[in-house]
Each structure stands twice: as structure tokens, then as C-alpha cells.
Amino acid sequence: MKKLNRPSLTQMAVEAMTDAVAKVVEDHRRRGRPLAVWRNGRAYWITAEQAGGLSERARHDKTEN
């Protein structure tokens, strides 16, 4: 019998979190709103463009669905 090759629960959780963050970054980019991030024990405001390629993933996901 063939074994199903399913992702682990951890892999599914990481993918869901990554997708959620990408969608938030994309939403903030569209609205021109800054994002709050935590770096080195401090909170900072950054633009969506400074957040990197996370919004690119959201765009890519929209074209696939």
C-alpha cells in the first residue's frame, strides 16, 4: 500500500502563518500604512516595502487561486 506524502502539522502551521503575514504586508502596502515589527527587543514602524518580499508571495498566491 502506498503511503500518503502529507506535510506535517508544523509545516502546515508555518505555511499558514507565512501566508497570513504576506497578506497583511500586501494589505498595508496597498493602503500605504506602516507595519509594526519587533527587532532586537524593540518595536519599530517600517513601510511595507521595507518588509521585503513577503508581499510578493501574497501576489503570487492570488494568481494561483
PDB file of N, CA and C in Angstrom:
ATOM      1  N   MET A   1       0.842  -1.167   0.000  1.00  0.00           N
ATOM      2  CA  MET A   1       0.000   0.000   0.000  1.00  0.00           C
ATOM      3  C   MET A   1       0.895   1.240   0.000  1.00  0.00           C
ATOM      4  N   LYS A   2       0.508   2.241  -0.797  1.00  0.00           N
ATOM      5  CA  LYS A   2       1.279   3.476  -0.882  1.00  0.00           C
ATOM      6  C   LYS A   2       1.023   4.354   0.328  1.00  0.00           C
ATOM      7  N   LYS A   3       2.088   4.946   0.832  1.00  0.00           N
ATOM      8  CA  LYS A   3       1.979   5.859   1.951  1.00  0.00           C
ATOM      9  C   LYS A   3       1.712   7.269   1.406  1.00  0.00           C
ATOM     10  N   LEU A   4       0.733   7.978   1.981  1.00  0.00           N
ATOM     11  CA  LEU A   4       0.440   9.334   1.559  1.00  0.00           C
ATOM     12  C   LEU A   4       1.554  10.260   2.017  1.00  0.00           C
ATOM     13  N   ASN A   5       1.958  11.142   1.144  1.00  0.00           N
ATOM     14  CA  ASN A   5       3.038  12.067   1.457  1.00  0.00           C
ATOM     15  C   ASN A   5       2.428  13.405   1.870  1.00  0.00           C
ATOM     16  N   ARG A   6       1.977  13.500   3.124  1.00  0.00           N
ATOM     17  CA  ARG A   6       1.352  14.720   3.632  1.00  0.00           C
ATOM     18  C   ARG A   6       2.355  15.542   4.417  1.00  0.00           C
ATOM     19  N   PRO A   7       2.203  16.857   4.358  1.00  0.00           N
ATOM     20  CA  PRO A   7       3.075  17.704   5.178  1.00  0.00           C
ATOM     21  C   PRO A   7       2.722  17.539   6.662  1.00  0.00           C
ATOM     22  N   SER A   8       3.707  17.757   7.508  1.00  0.00           N
ATOM     23  CA  SER A   8       3.469  17.640   8.944  1.00  0.00           C
ATOM     24  C   SER A   8       2.618  18.810   9.418  1.00  0.00           C
ATOM     25  N   LEU A   9       2.079  18.690  10.608  1.00  0.00           N
ATOM     26  CA  LEU A   9       1.277  19.751  11.195  1.00  0.00           C
ATOM     27  C   LEU A   9       2.114  21.023  11.349  1.00  0.00           C
ATOM     28  N   THR A  10       3.369  20.862  11.712  1.00  0.00           N
ATOM     29  CA  THR A  10       4.266  22.011  11.852  1.00  0.00           C
ATOM     30  C   THR A  10       4.454  22.706  10.509  1.00  0.00           C
ATOM     31  N   GLN A  11       4.673  21.939   9.450  1.00  0.00           N
ATOM     32  CA  GLN A  11       4.845  22.524   8.120  1.00  0.00           C
ATOM     33  C   GLN A  11       3.591  23.272   7.679  1.00  0.00           C
ATOM     34  N   MET A  12       2.426  22.703   7.960  1.00  0.00           N
ATOM     35  CA  MET A  12       1.172  23.369   7.591  1.00  0.00           C
ATOM     36  C   MET A  12       0.988  24.653   8.387  1.00  0.00           C
ATOM     37  N   ALA A  13       1.368  24.640   9.678  1.00  0.00           N
ATOM     38  CA  ALA A  13       1.240  25.841  10.508  1.00  0.00           C
ATOM     39  C   ALA A  13       2.175  26.949  10.025  1.00  0.00           C
ATOM     40  N   VAL A  14       3.408  26.595   9.688  1.00  0.00           N
ATOM     41  CA  VAL A  14       4.369  27.589   9.194  1.00  0.00           C
ATOM     42  C   VAL A  14       3.876  28.176   7.875  1.00  0.00           C
ATOM     43  N   GLU A  15       3.363  27.354   6.996  1.00  0.00           N
ATOM     44  CA  GLU A  15       2.850  27.839   5.715  1.00  0.00           C
ATOM     45  C   GLU A  15       1.655  28.770   5.919  1.00  0.00           C
ATOM     46  N   ALA A  16       0.755  28.411   6.837  1.00  0.00           N
ATOM     47  CA  ALA A  16      -0.411  29.255   7.115  1.00  0.00           C
ATOM     48  C   ALA A  16       0.023  30.604   7.689  1.00  0.00           C
ATOM     49  N   MET A  17       1.000  30.597   8.590  1.00  0.00           N
ATOM     50  CA  MET A  17       1.481  31.847   9.182  1.00  0.00           C
ATOM     51  C   MET A  17       2.177  32.706   8.130  1.00  0.00           C
ATOM     52  N   THR A  18       2.985  32.090   7.287  1.00  0.00           N
ATOM     53  CA  THR A  18       3.681  32.819   6.226  1.00  0.00           C
ATOM     54  C   THR A  18       2.685  33.460   5.268  1.00  0.00           C
ATOM     55  N   ASP A  19       1.644  32.713   4.893  1.00  0.00           N
ATOM     56  CA  ASP A  19       0.616  33.249   4.004  1.00  0.00           C
ATOM     57  C   ASP A  19      -0.129  34.411   4.664  1.00  0.00           C
ATOM     58  N   ALA A  20      -0.450  34.283   5.944  1.00  0.00           N
ATOM     59  CA  ALA A  20      -1.162  35.345   6.656  1.00  0.00           C
ATOM     60  C   ALA A  20      -0.320  36.615   6.721  1.00  0.00           C
ATOM     61  N   VAL A  21       0.956  36.478   7.035  1.00  0.00           N
ATOM     62  CA  VAL A  21       1.844  37.641   7.097  1.00  0.00           C
ATOM     63  C   VAL A  21       1.957  38.291   5.724  1.00  0.00           C
ATOM     64  N   ALA A  22       2.089  37.490   4.686  1.00  0.00           N
ATOM     65  CA  ALA A  22       2.199  38.029   3.328  1.00  0.00           C
ATOM     66  C   ALA A  22       0.955  38.831   2.960  1.00  0.00           C
ATOM     67  N   LYS A  23      -0.199  38.352   3.340  1.00  0.00           N
ATOM     68  CA  LYS A  23      -1.449  39.057   3.028  1.00  0.00           C
ATOM     69  C   LYS A  23      -1.549  40.367   3.809  1.00  0.00           C
ATOM     70  N   VAL A  24      -1.097  40.381   5.052  1.00  0.00           N
ATOM     71  CA  VAL A  24      -1.106  41.611   5.846  1.00  0.00           C
ATOM     72  C   VAL A  24      -0.148  42.638   5.248  1.00  0.00           C
ATOM     73  N   VAL A  25       1.043  42.203   4.868  1.00  0.00           N
ATOM     74  CA  VAL A  25       2.019  43.117   4.257  1.00  0.00           C
ATOM     75  C   VAL A  25       1.450  43.689   2.966  1.00  0.00           C
ATOM     76  N   GLU A  26       0.843  42.859   2.150  1.00  0.00           N
ATOM     77  CA  GLU A  26       0.242  43.325   0.897  1.00  0.00           C
ATOM     78  C   GLU A  26      -0.874  44.330   1.167  1.00  0.00           C
ATOM     79  N   ASP A  27      -1.711  44.068   2.150  1.00  0.00           N
ATOM     80  CA  ASP A  27      -2.792  44.978   2.510  1.00  0.00           C
ATOM     81  C   ASP A  27      -2.237  46.327   2.967  1.00  0.00           C
ATOM     82  N   HIS A  28      -1.213  46.312   3.793  1.00  0.00           N
ATOM     83  CA  HIS A  28      -0.594  47.550   4.268  1.00  0.00           C
ATOM     84  C   HIS A  28       0.080  48.297   3.114  1.00  0.00           C
ATOM     85  N   ARG A  29       0.677  47.564   2.195  1.00  0.00           N
ATOM     86  CA  ARG A  29       1.305  48.199   1.037  1.00  0.00           C
ATOM     87  C   ARG A  29       0.255  48.932   0.195  1.00  0.00           C
ATOM     88  N   ARG A  30      -0.870  48.265  -0.069  1.00  0.00           N
ATOM     89  CA  ARG A  30      -1.935  48.871  -0.871  1.00  0.00           C
ATOM     90  C   ARG A  30      -2.510  50.122  -0.206  1.00  0.00           C
ATOM     91  N   ARG A  31      -2.649  50.078   1.109  1.00  0.00           N
ATOM     92  CA  ARG A  31      -3.250  51.198   1.843  1.00  0.00           C
ATOM     93  C   ARG A  31      -2.241  52.274   2.239  1.00  0.00           C
ATOM     94  N   GLY A  32      -0.952  51.998   2.035  1.00  0.00           N
ATOM     95  CA  GLY A  32       0.073  52.966   2.402  1.00  0.00           C
ATOM     96  C   GLY A  32       0.268  53.086   3.905  1.00  0.00           C
ATOM     97  N   ARG A  33       0.007  52.020   4.634  1.00  0.00           N
ATOM     98  CA  ARG A  33       0.112  52.017   6.092  1.00  0.00           C
ATOM     99  C   ARG A  33       1.420  51.384   6.530  1.00  0.00           C
ATOM    100  N   PRO A  34       2.035  51.881   7.600  1.00  0.00           N
ATOM    101  CA  PRO A  34       3.256  51.257   8.109  1.00  0.00           C
ATOM    102  C   PRO A  34       2.946  49.957   8.861  1.00  0.00           C
ATOM    103  N   LEU A  35       3.954  49.144   9.005  1.00  0.00           N
ATOM    104  CA  LEU A  35       3.843  47.881   9.747  1.00  0.00           C
ATOM    105  C   LEU A  35       4.646  47.988  11.033  1.00  0.00           C
ATOM    106  N   ALA A  36       4.129  47.418  12.088  1.00  0.00           N
ATOM    107  CA  ALA A  36       4.874  47.353  13.349  1.00  0.00           C
ATOM    108  C   ALA A  36       5.644  46.032  13.367  1.00  0.00           C
ATOM    109  N   VAL A  37       6.943  46.104  13.634  1.00  0.00           N
ATOM    110  CA  VAL A  37       7.778  44.900  13.730  1.00  0.00           C
ATOM    111  C   VAL A  37       8.574  44.943  15.022  1.00  0.00           C
ATOM    112  N   TRP A  38       9.004  43.795  15.454  1.00  0.00           N
ATOM    113  CA  TRP A  38       9.785  43.662  16.672  1.00  0.00           C
ATOM    114  C   TRP A  38      11.196  43.248  16.291  1.00  0.00           C
ATOM    115  N   ARG A  39      12.184  44.094  16.622  1.00  0.00           N
ATOM    116  CA  ARG A  39      13.585  43.792  16.325  1.00  0.00           C
ATOM    117  C   ARG A  39      14.447  44.136  17.527  1.00  0.00           C
ATOM    118  N   ASN A  40      15.287  43.215  17.887  1.00  0.00           N
ATOM    119  CA  ASN A  40      16.248  43.446  18.966  1.00  0.00           C
ATOM    120  C   ASN A  40      15.597  43.998  20.230  1.00  0.00           C
ATOM    121  N   GLY A  41      14.460  43.440  20.587  1.00  0.00           N
ATOM    122  CA  GLY A  41      13.800  43.829  21.825  1.00  0.00           C
ATOM    123  C   GLY A  41      13.046  45.144  21.782  1.00  0.00           C
ATOM    124  N   ARG A  42      12.866  45.714  20.596  1.00  0.00           N
ATOM    125  CA  ARG A  42      12.156  46.983  20.462  1.00  0.00           C
ATOM    126  C   ARG A  42      11.161  46.921  19.317  1.00  0.00           C
ATOM    127  N   ALA A  43      10.101  47.707  19.428  1.00  0.00           N
ATOM    128  CA  ALA A  43       9.111  47.812  18.358  1.00  0.00           C
ATOM    129  C   ALA A  43       9.493  48.954  17.435  1.00  0.00           C
ATOM    130  N   TYR A  44       9.341  48.720  16.137  1.00  0.00           N
ATOM    131  CA  TYR A  44       9.661  49.716  15.115  1.00  0.00           C
ATOM    132  C   TYR A  44       8.523  49.781  14.102  1.00  0.00           C
ATOM    133  N   TRP A  45       8.359  50.939  13.473  1.00  0.00           N
ATOM    134  CA  TRP A  45       7.448  51.097  12.351  1.00  0.00           C
ATOM    135  C   TRP A  45       8.272  51.049  11.074  1.00  0.00           C
ATOM    136  N   ILE A  46       7.833  50.256  10.105  1.00  0.00           N
ATOM    137  CA  ILE A  46       8.504  50.191   8.812  1.00  0.00           C
ATOM    138  C   ILE A  46       7.450  50.267   7.712  1.00  0.00           C
ATOM    139  N   THR A  47       7.896  50.638   6.520  1.00  0.00           N
ATOM    140  CA  THR A  47       6.976  50.622   5.375  1.00  0.00           C
ATOM    141  C   THR A  47       6.841  49.178   4.886  1.00  0.00           C
ATOM    142  N   ALA A  48       5.798  48.939   4.129  1.00  0.00           N
ATOM    143  CA  ALA A  48       5.598  47.598   3.580  1.00  0.00           C
ATOM    144  C   ALA A  48       6.746  47.224   2.642  1.00  0.00           C
ATOM    145  N   GLU A  49       7.296  48.219   1.941  1.00  0.00           N
ATOM    146  CA  GLU A  49       8.413  47.953   1.037  1.00  0.00           C
ATOM    147  C   GLU A  49       9.649  47.491   1.814  1.00  0.00           C
ATOM    148  N   GLN A  50       9.837  48.025   3.019  1.00  0.00           N
ATOM    149  CA  GLN A  50      10.960  47.605   3.848  1.00  0.00           C
ATOM    150  C   GLN A  50      10.781  46.188   4.385  1.00  0.00           C
ATOM    151  N   ALA A  51       9.565  45.685   4.368  1.00  0.00           N
ATOM    152  CA  ALA A  51       9.294  44.351   4.894  1.00  0.00           C
ATOM    153  C   ALA A  51       9.821  43.257   3.972  1.00  0.00           C
ATOM    154  N   GLY A  52      10.238  43.614   2.774  1.00  0.00           N
ATOM    155  CA  GLY A  52      10.838  42.631   1.880  1.00  0.00           C
ATOM    156  C   GLY A  52       9.844  41.961   0.966  1.00  0.00           C
ATOM    157  N   GLY A  53      10.163  40.742   0.574  1.00  0.00           N
ATOM    158  CA  GLY A  53       9.396  40.022  -0.427  1.00  0.00           C
ATOM    159  C   GLY A  53       8.149  39.337   0.077  1.00  0.00           C
ATOM    160  N   LEU A  54       7.733  39.592   1.296  1.00  0.00           N
ATOM    161  CA  LEU A  54       6.556  38.911   1.802  1.00  0.00           C
ATOM    162  C   LEU A  54       5.310  39.267   1.010  1.00  0.00           C
ATOM    163  N   SER A  55       5.208  40.509   0.566  1.00  0.00           N
ATOM    164  CA  SER A  55       4.031  40.889  -0.203  1.00  0.00           C
ATOM    165  C   SER A  55       4.049  40.238  -1.577  1.00  0.00           C
ATOM    166  N   GLU A  56       5.241  39.921  -2.080  1.00  0.00           N
ATOM    167  CA  GLU A  56       5.340  39.240  -3.375  1.00  0.00           C
ATOM    168  C   GLU A  56       4.679  37.869  -3.304  1.00  0.00           C
ATOM    169  N   ARG A  57       4.807  37.185  -2.189  1.00  0.00           N
ATOM    170  CA  ARG A  57       4.198  35.872  -2.038  1.00  0.00           C
ATOM    171  C   ARG A  57       2.675  35.984  -2.070  1.00  0.00           C
ATOM    172  N   ALA A  58       2.137  37.017  -1.457  1.00  0.00           N
ATOM    173  CA  ALA A  58       0.688  37.210  -1.467  1.00  0.00           C
ATOM    174  C   ALA A  58       0.193  37.411  -2.887  1.00  0.00           C
ATOM    175  N   ARG A  59       0.931  38.216  -3.675  1.00  0.00           N
ATOM    176  CA  ARG A  59       0.558  38.431  -5.075  1.00  0.00           C
ATOM    177  C   ARG A  59       0.612  37.131  -5.856  1.00  0.00           C
ATOM    178  N   HIS A  60       1.652  36.337  -5.608  1.00  0.00           N
ATOM    179  CA  HIS A  60       1.825  35.061  -6.298  1.00  0.00           C
ATOM    180  C   HIS A  60       0.680  34.118  -5.949  1.00  0.00           C
ATOM    181  N   ASP A  61       0.298  34.077  -4.682  1.00  0.00           N
ATOM    182  CA  ASP A  61      -0.795  33.202  -4.250  1.00  0.00           C
ATOM    183  C   ASP A  61      -2.115  33.602  -4.897  1.00  0.00           C
ATOM    184  N   LYS A  62      -2.355  34.905  -5.086  1.00  0.00           N
ATOM    185  CA  LYS A  62      -3.597  35.361  -5.697  1.00  0.00           C
ATOM    186  C   LYS A  62      -3.696  34.893  -7.144  1.00  0.00           C
ATOM    187  N   THR A  63      -2.574  34.847  -7.846  1.00  0.00           N
ATOM    188  CA  THR A  63      -2.609  34.439  -9.248  1.00  0.00           C
ATOM    189  C   THR A  63      -2.810  32.942  -9.379  1.00  0.00           C
ATOM    190  N   GLU A  64      -2.438  32.173  -8.384  1.00  0.00           N
ATOM    191  CA  GLU A  64      -2.612  30.725  -8.440  1.00  0.00           C
ATOM    192  C   GLU A  64      -4.037  30.314  -8.188  1.00  0.00           C
ATOM    193  N   ASN A  65      -4.778  31.064  -7.359  1.00  0.00           N
ATOM    194  CA  ASN A  65      -6.158  30.679  -6.972  1.00  0.00           C
ATOM    195  C   ASN A  65      -7.170  31.214  -7.894  1.00  0.00           C
TER     196      ASN A  65
END
